Amino acid sequence: MKKLQLVSLMVLALSILLWTAGRTVLPLPDWAVRLNGVMMLIVMPLLVFSSVRRKVKNS
């Protein structure tokens, strides 16, 4: 679970950086914005699941 949590956190951080750069620096194409949104929708529940699972396992 620790690997899943770490990978999810890294992907989410990169996704947020890409989203921020697309809003401030240069506009991204539509497909890139949609792909980034899909990645966020996949990674956020994985991050929550792995965090809660680790917390329950350690209790």
Protein backbone atom coordinates (compact mmCIF):
# COMPACT_ATOMS: atom_id res chain seq x y z
CA MET A 1 0.00 0.00 0.00
CA LYS A 2 2.88 2.35 0.63
CA LYS A 3 4.03 2.12 -3.00
CA LEU A 4 0.49 2.75 -4.27
CA GLN A 5 0.16 5.75 -1.98
CA LEU A 6 3.51 7.18 -3.08
CA VAL A 7 2.82 6.69 -6.79
CA SER A 8 -0.67 8.14 -6.47
CA LEU A 9 0.65 11.18 -4.65
CA MET A 10 3.34 11.76 -7.28
CA VAL A 11 0.91 11.42 -10.18
CA LEU A 12 -1.57 13.73 -8.48
CA ALA A 13 1.15 16.32 -7.84
CA LEU A 14 2.25 16.21 -11.49
CA SER A 15 -1.35 16.46 -12.61
CA ILE A 16 -1.94 19.53 -10.43
CA LEU A 17 1.26 21.12 -11.76
CA LEU A 18 0.14 20.50 -15.33
CA TRP A 19 -3.30 21.90 -14.58
CA THR A 20 -1.78 25.02 -12.98
CA ALA A 21 0.63 25.54 -15.87
CA GLY A 22 -2.23 25.17 -18.32
CA ARG A 23 -4.24 27.84 -16.51
CA THR A 24 -1.41 30.36 -16.02
CA VAL A 25 1.39 29.91 -18.55
CA LEU A 26 -0.14 28.67 -21.77
CA PRO A 27 -3.50 27.16 -22.63
CA LEU A 28 -3.48 23.40 -23.14
CA PRO A 29 -5.33 21.66 -25.95
CA ASP A 30 -8.73 20.20 -25.12
CA TRP A 31 -7.52 16.59 -25.21
CA ALA A 32 -4.73 17.37 -22.70
CA VAL A 33 -7.15 19.01 -20.27
CA ARG A 34 -9.54 16.05 -20.53
CA LEU A 35 -6.76 13.50 -20.09
CA ASN A 36 -5.47 15.38 -17.07
CA GLY A 37 -8.96 15.42 -15.57
CA VAL A 38 -9.37 11.69 -16.11
CA MET A 39 -6.02 11.07 -14.43
CA MET A 40 -7.12 13.15 -11.44
CA LEU A 41 -10.40 11.23 -11.22
CA ILE A 42 -8.50 7.93 -11.17
CA VAL A 43 -5.68 8.92 -8.83
CA MET A 44 -7.67 10.69 -6.10
CA PRO A 45 -9.72 7.63 -5.02
CA LEU A 46 -6.59 5.46 -5.19
CA LEU A 47 -4.78 7.87 -2.90
CA VAL A 48 -7.66 7.93 -0.43
CA PHE A 49 -7.99 4.13 -0.50
CA SER A 50 -4.29 3.52 0.07
CA SER A 51 -4.10 6.13 2.86
CA VAL A 52 -7.10 4.75 4.72
CA ARG A 53 -5.95 1.16 4.22
CA ARG A 54 -2.51 1.97 5.69
CA LYS A 55 -4.12 3.80 8.61
CA VAL A 56 -6.45 0.86 9.38
CA LYS A 57 -3.64 -1.69 8.99
CA ASN A 58 -1.40 0.21 11.43
CA SER A 59 -4.14 0.52 14.09
